[in-house]
Amino acid sequence: MTKTKTKKLKTAARLAANKRLAENRTAKHHYEIIETLETGIELLGTEVKSIRAGKANLKDGFCLIRKGEIQLHNVHISPHSHASGYFNHDPLRVRKLLAHRREIDKFQGQLDKKGLTLIPLSLQLKGSWIKLIIGLGKGRKLYDKRQEEKRKQADRDMKSALKRF
């Protein structure tokens, strides 16, 4: 095999290893996302297996900063089906997120000043690691949601009109 062929195969394998496992679709509707951060997540073995099987729900989740650590609350990861009740995990346990001190301090300052919220946006497989993308969001009012929906619809109409010509 040539060098370029092996290089292409390696990049294809790397891209296949990066895939989205769970997504919080309602977060972008209810919040205006200002900034995002990719963090690691401290998981048990049965949690990893459940997430890889697609058994995670981020819909009602939120993050808090306590004692200098980011904690993930109210994210449901179903118990692994092939593990006994003794070795399985609690589906709604509080999980620690792994981020650098600078990033945590930066988000802590923004949360204190502006009254923003940390929301889990998606769980991704990056190589062999499971990463959580969290977003710093500001809650939208009902009229903001309506305006955003109108803007999206106008964009869709414009794109479809341009395709016709």
C-alpha atoms as a PDB file:
ATOM      1  CA  MET A   1       0.000   0.000   0.000  1.00  0.00           C
ATOM      2  CA  THR A   2       1.155   3.487  -0.702  1.00  0.00           C
ATOM      3  CA  LYS A   3       1.731   6.051   1.976  1.00  0.00           C
ATOM      4  CA  THR A   4      -1.195   8.272   0.918  1.00  0.00           C
ATOM      5  CA  LYS A   5      -3.599   5.324   0.894  1.00  0.00           C
ATOM      6  CA  THR A   6      -2.716   4.327   4.449  1.00  0.00           C
ATOM      7  CA  LYS A   7      -2.997   7.950   5.541  1.00  0.00           C
ATOM      8  CA  LYS A   8      -6.498   8.183   4.030  1.00  0.00           C
ATOM      9  CA  LEU A   9      -7.540   4.963   5.747  1.00  0.00           C
ATOM     10  CA  LYS A  10      -6.303   6.254   9.093  1.00  0.00           C
ATOM     11  CA  THR A  11      -8.180   9.541   8.777  1.00  0.00           C
ATOM     12  CA  ALA A  12     -11.338   7.670   7.726  1.00  0.00           C
ATOM     13  CA  ALA A  13     -11.035   5.429  10.786  1.00  0.00           C
ATOM     14  CA  ARG A  14     -10.494   8.462  13.024  1.00  0.00           C
ATOM     15  CA  LEU A  15     -13.566  10.214  11.628  1.00  0.00           C
ATOM     16  CA  ALA A  16     -15.648   7.059  12.081  1.00  0.00           C
ATOM     17  CA  ALA A  17     -14.571   6.964  15.727  1.00  0.00           C
ATOM     18  CA  ASN A  18     -15.961  10.494  16.266  1.00  0.00           C
ATOM     19  CA  LYS A  19     -19.726  10.238  16.436  1.00  0.00           C
ATOM     20  CA  ARG A  20     -22.590  11.830  18.354  1.00  0.00           C
ATOM     21  CA  LEU A  21     -24.127   9.479  20.917  1.00  0.00           C
ATOM     22  CA  ALA A  22     -26.830  11.702  22.441  1.00  0.00           C
ATOM     23  CA  GLU A  23     -28.069  15.225  21.816  1.00  0.00           C
ATOM     24  CA  ASN A  24     -30.179  17.738  23.725  1.00  0.00           C
ATOM     25  CA  ARG A  25     -32.310  19.161  20.910  1.00  0.00           C
ATOM     26  CA  THR A  26     -34.570  21.264  23.122  1.00  0.00           C
ATOM     27  CA  ALA A  27     -31.617  23.206  24.583  1.00  0.00           C
ATOM     28  CA  LYS A  28     -31.122  25.319  21.464  1.00  0.00           C
ATOM     29  CA  HIS A  29     -34.851  26.079  21.429  1.00  0.00           C
ATOM     30  CA  HIS A  30     -35.137  27.112  25.084  1.00  0.00           C
ATOM     31  CA  TYR A  31     -31.736  28.825  25.414  1.00  0.00           C
ATOM     32  CA  GLU A  32     -29.558  31.134  23.365  1.00  0.00           C
ATOM     33  CA  ILE A  33     -26.163  29.407  23.487  1.00  0.00           C
ATOM     34  CA  ILE A  34     -23.395  31.959  24.013  1.00  0.00           C
ATOM     35  CA  GLU A  35     -20.341  29.736  24.423  1.00  0.00           C
ATOM     36  CA  THR A  36     -19.569  25.999  24.360  1.00  0.00           C
ATOM     37  CA  LEU A  37     -16.963  23.846  26.068  1.00  0.00           C
ATOM     38  CA  GLU A  38     -15.932  20.242  25.452  1.00  0.00           C
ATOM     39  CA  THR A  39     -15.380  18.422  28.747  1.00  0.00           C
ATOM     40  CA  GLY A  40     -14.558  14.933  29.820  1.00  0.00           C
ATOM     41  CA  ILE A  41     -17.005  13.085  32.015  1.00  0.00           C
ATOM     42  CA  GLU A  42     -16.269  10.767  34.921  1.00  0.00           C
ATOM     43  CA  LEU A  43     -18.224   7.547  34.234  1.00  0.00           C
ATOM     44  CA  LEU A  44     -18.510   4.020  35.545  1.00  0.00           C
ATOM     45  CA  GLY A  45     -18.002   1.027  33.242  1.00  0.00           C
ATOM     46  CA  THR A  46     -21.694   0.185  32.947  1.00  0.00           C
ATOM     47  CA  GLU A  47     -22.458   3.849  32.140  1.00  0.00           C
ATOM     48  CA  VAL A  48     -19.979   3.787  29.257  1.00  0.00           C
ATOM     49  CA  LYS A  49     -21.598   0.664  27.835  1.00  0.00           C
ATOM     50  CA  SER A  50     -25.078   2.189  28.125  1.00  0.00           C
ATOM     51  CA  ILE A  51     -24.031   5.445  26.467  1.00  0.00           C
ATOM     52  CA  ARG A  52     -22.390   3.583  23.585  1.00  0.00           C
ATOM     53  CA  ALA A  53     -25.664   1.690  23.174  1.00  0.00           C
ATOM     54  CA  GLY A  54     -27.507   5.030  22.909  1.00  0.00           C
ATOM     55  CA  LYS A  55     -29.285   4.860  26.278  1.00  0.00           C
ATOM     56  CA  ALA A  56     -28.589   8.412  27.497  1.00  0.00           C
ATOM     57  CA  ASN A  57     -31.083  11.277  27.860  1.00  0.00           C
ATOM     58  CA  LEU A  58     -29.789  14.849  28.225  1.00  0.00           C
ATOM     59  CA  LYS A  59     -33.179  16.562  27.959  1.00  0.00           C
ATOM     60  CA  ASP A  60     -33.654  17.659  31.585  1.00  0.00           C
ATOM     61  CA  GLY A  61     -29.969  17.929  32.461  1.00  0.00           C
ATOM     62  CA  PHE A  62     -28.130  20.926  33.876  1.00  0.00           C
ATOM     63  CA  CYS A  63     -24.677  21.676  35.290  1.00  0.00           C
ATOM     64  CA  LEU A  64     -23.632  23.360  38.518  1.00  0.00           C
ATOM     65  CA  ILE A  65     -20.239  24.536  39.710  1.00  0.00           C
ATOM     66  CA  ARG A  66     -19.656  23.378  43.284  1.00  0.00           C
ATOM     67  CA  LYS A  67     -16.352  23.428  45.187  1.00  0.00           C
ATOM     68  CA  GLY A  68     -14.441  24.323  42.030  1.00  0.00           C
ATOM     69  CA  GLU A  69     -15.841  21.363  40.054  1.00  0.00           C
ATOM     70  CA  ILE A  70     -18.477  21.200  37.349  1.00  0.00           C
ATOM     71  CA  GLN A  71     -21.184  18.667  38.224  1.00  0.00           C
ATOM     72  CA  LEU A  72     -23.716  17.176  35.830  1.00  0.00           C
ATOM     73  CA  HIS A  73     -27.181  16.774  37.330  1.00  0.00           C
ATOM     74  CA  ASN A  74     -30.405  15.104  36.188  1.00  0.00           C
ATOM     75  CA  VAL A  75     -28.992  13.296  33.137  1.00  0.00           C
ATOM     76  CA  HIS A  76     -30.521   9.844  32.813  1.00  0.00           C
ATOM     77  CA  ILE A  77     -28.212   7.036  31.700  1.00  0.00           C
ATOM     78  CA  SER A  78     -30.160   3.770  31.700  1.00  0.00           C
ATOM     79  CA  PRO A  79     -28.726   0.801  33.604  1.00  0.00           C
ATOM     80  CA  HIS A  80     -26.790  -1.632  31.420  1.00  0.00           C
ATOM     81  CA  SER A  81     -28.987  -4.540  30.356  1.00  0.00           C
ATOM     82  CA  HIS A  82     -26.324  -7.261  30.709  1.00  0.00           C
ATOM     83  CA  ALA A  83     -25.102  -6.317  34.193  1.00  0.00           C
ATOM     84  CA  SER A  84     -26.529  -7.482  37.495  1.00  0.00           C
ATOM     85  CA  GLY A  85     -28.384  -5.132  39.822  1.00  0.00           C
ATOM     86  CA  TYR A  86     -25.467  -5.149  42.240  1.00  0.00           C
ATOM     87  CA  PHE A  87     -22.866  -3.979  39.722  1.00  0.00           C
ATOM     88  CA  ASN A  88     -25.096  -1.520  37.863  1.00  0.00           C
ATOM     89  CA  HIS A  89     -25.107   2.240  38.381  1.00  0.00           C
ATOM     90  CA  ASP A  90     -27.751   4.695  39.595  1.00  0.00           C
ATOM     91  CA  PRO A  91     -29.335   6.228  36.449  1.00  0.00           C
ATOM     92  CA  LEU A  92     -29.604   9.789  37.836  1.00  0.00           C
ATOM     93  CA  ARG A  93     -26.415  10.065  39.884  1.00  0.00           C
ATOM     94  CA  VAL A  94     -24.415  13.307  39.942  1.00  0.00           C
ATOM     95  CA  ARG A  95     -21.409  13.042  37.624  1.00  0.00           C
ATOM     96  CA  LYS A  96     -18.204  15.071  37.721  1.00  0.00           C
ATOM     97  CA  LEU A  97     -17.105  16.873  34.546  1.00  0.00           C
ATOM     98  CA  LEU A  98     -13.417  17.219  33.744  1.00  0.00           C
ATOM     99  CA  ALA A  99     -12.259  20.668  32.646  1.00  0.00           C
ATOM    100  CA  HIS A 100      -9.267  22.926  33.193  1.00  0.00           C
ATOM    101  CA  ARG A 101      -9.276  25.300  36.173  1.00  0.00           C
ATOM    102  CA  ARG A 102      -9.137  28.374  33.864  1.00  0.00           C
ATOM    103  CA  GLU A 103     -12.252  27.249  32.001  1.00  0.00           C
ATOM    104  CA  ILE A 104     -14.153  26.530  35.213  1.00  0.00           C
ATOM    105  CA  ASP A 105     -13.208  29.922  36.685  1.00  0.00           C
ATOM    106  CA  LYS A 106     -14.192  31.694  33.462  1.00  0.00           C
ATOM    107  CA  PHE A 107     -17.621  30.046  33.428  1.00  0.00           C
ATOM    108  CA  GLN A 108     -18.063  30.665  37.168  1.00  0.00           C
ATOM    109  CA  GLY A 109     -17.479  34.385  36.642  1.00  0.00           C
ATOM    110  CA  GLN A 110     -19.963  34.552  33.779  1.00  0.00           C
ATOM    111  CA  LEU A 111     -22.590  32.583  35.729  1.00  0.00           C
ATOM    112  CA  ASP A 112     -22.288  34.937  38.709  1.00  0.00           C
ATOM    113  CA  LYS A 113     -22.492  38.150  36.683  1.00  0.00           C
ATOM    114  CA  LYS A 114     -25.078  37.557  34.012  1.00  0.00           C
ATOM    115  CA  GLY A 115     -27.448  34.964  35.455  1.00  0.00           C
ATOM    116  CA  LEU A 116     -26.693  32.386  32.766  1.00  0.00           C
ATOM    117  CA  THR A 117     -27.068  28.593  32.855  1.00  0.00           C
ATOM    118  CA  LEU A 118     -24.798  25.677  31.982  1.00  0.00           C
ATOM    119  CA  ILE A 119     -26.635  23.155  29.788  1.00  0.00           C
ATOM    120  CA  PRO A 120     -25.419  19.795  28.451  1.00  0.00           C
ATOM    121  CA  LEU A 121     -25.733  19.908  24.647  1.00  0.00           C
ATOM    122  CA  SER A 122     -24.398  16.580  23.382  1.00  0.00           C
ATOM    123  CA  LEU A 123     -22.469  13.428  24.240  1.00  0.00           C
ATOM    124  CA  GLN A 124     -19.844  12.484  21.684  1.00  0.00           C
ATOM    125  CA  LEU A 125     -17.466   9.616  21.150  1.00  0.00           C
ATOM    126  CA  LYS A 126     -14.025  11.044  20.390  1.00  0.00           C
ATOM    127  CA  GLY A 127     -11.670   8.187  19.688  1.00  0.00           C
ATOM    128  CA  SER A 128     -12.184   5.936  22.693  1.00  0.00           C
ATOM    129  CA  TRP A 129     -13.214   8.807  25.014  1.00  0.00           C
ATOM    130  CA  ILE A 130     -16.733  10.000  25.727  1.00  0.00           C
ATOM    131  CA  LYS A 131     -16.919  13.801  25.749  1.00  0.00           C
ATOM    132  CA  LEU A 132     -19.763  16.060  26.864  1.00  0.00           C
ATOM    133  CA  ILE A 133     -20.284  19.419  25.191  1.00  0.00           C
ATOM    134  CA  ILE A 134     -21.796  21.949  27.570  1.00  0.00           C
ATOM    135  CA  GLY A 135     -23.071  25.360  26.620  1.00  0.00           C
ATOM    136  CA  LEU A 136     -23.406  28.623  28.472  1.00  0.00           C
ATOM    137  CA  GLY A 137     -26.951  29.674  27.706  1.00  0.00           C
ATOM    138  CA  LYS A 138     -29.340  32.498  28.379  1.00  0.00           C
ATOM    139  CA  GLY A 139     -33.010  31.563  28.670  1.00  0.00           C
ATOM    140  CA  ARG A 140     -35.293  32.697  25.870  1.00  0.00           C
ATOM    141  CA  LYS A 141     -38.672  34.282  26.412  1.00  0.00           C
ATOM    142  CA  LEU A 142     -41.689  33.057  24.468  1.00  0.00           C
ATOM    143  CA  TYR A 143     -41.558  35.954  22.000  1.00  0.00           C
ATOM    144  CA  ASP A 144     -37.842  35.288  21.402  1.00  0.00           C
ATOM    145  CA  LYS A 145     -38.677  31.679  20.508  1.00  0.00           C
ATOM    146  CA  ARG A 146     -41.341  32.872  18.075  1.00  0.00           C
ATOM    147  CA  GLN A 147     -38.972  35.360  16.425  1.00  0.00           C
ATOM    148  CA  GLU A 148     -36.299  32.682  16.078  1.00  0.00           C
ATOM    149  CA  GLU A 149     -38.825  30.315  14.481  1.00  0.00           C
ATOM    150  CA  LYS A 150     -39.893  33.036  12.023  1.00  0.00           C
ATOM    151  CA  ARG A 151     -36.270  33.732  11.120  1.00  0.00           C
ATOM    152  CA  LYS A 152     -35.574  30.033  10.500  1.00  0.00           C
ATOM    153  CA  GLN A 153     -38.689  29.716   8.349  1.00  0.00           C
ATOM    154  CA  ALA A 154     -37.680  32.782   6.309  1.00  0.00           C
ATOM    155  CA  ASP A 155     -34.221  31.255   5.757  1.00  0.00           C
ATOM    156  CA  ARG A 156     -35.783  27.962   4.613  1.00  0.00           C
ATOM    157  CA  ASP A 157     -38.095  29.818   2.206  1.00  0.00           C
ATOM    158  CA  MET A 158     -35.202  31.832   0.801  1.00  0.00           C
ATOM    159  CA  LYS A 159     -33.076  28.707   0.251  1.00  0.00           C
ATOM    160  CA  SER A 160     -35.918  26.879  -1.489  1.00  0.00           C
ATOM    161  CA  ALA A 161     -36.572  29.918  -3.700  1.00  0.00           C
ATOM    162  CA  LEU A 162     -32.901  30.081  -4.670  1.00  0.00           C
ATOM    163  CA  LYS A 163     -32.889  26.354  -5.535  1.00  0.00           C
ATOM    164  CA  ARG A 164     -35.726  26.860  -7.978  1.00  0.00           C
ATOM    165  CA  PHE A 165     -33.742  29.404 -10.024  1.00  0.00           C
END
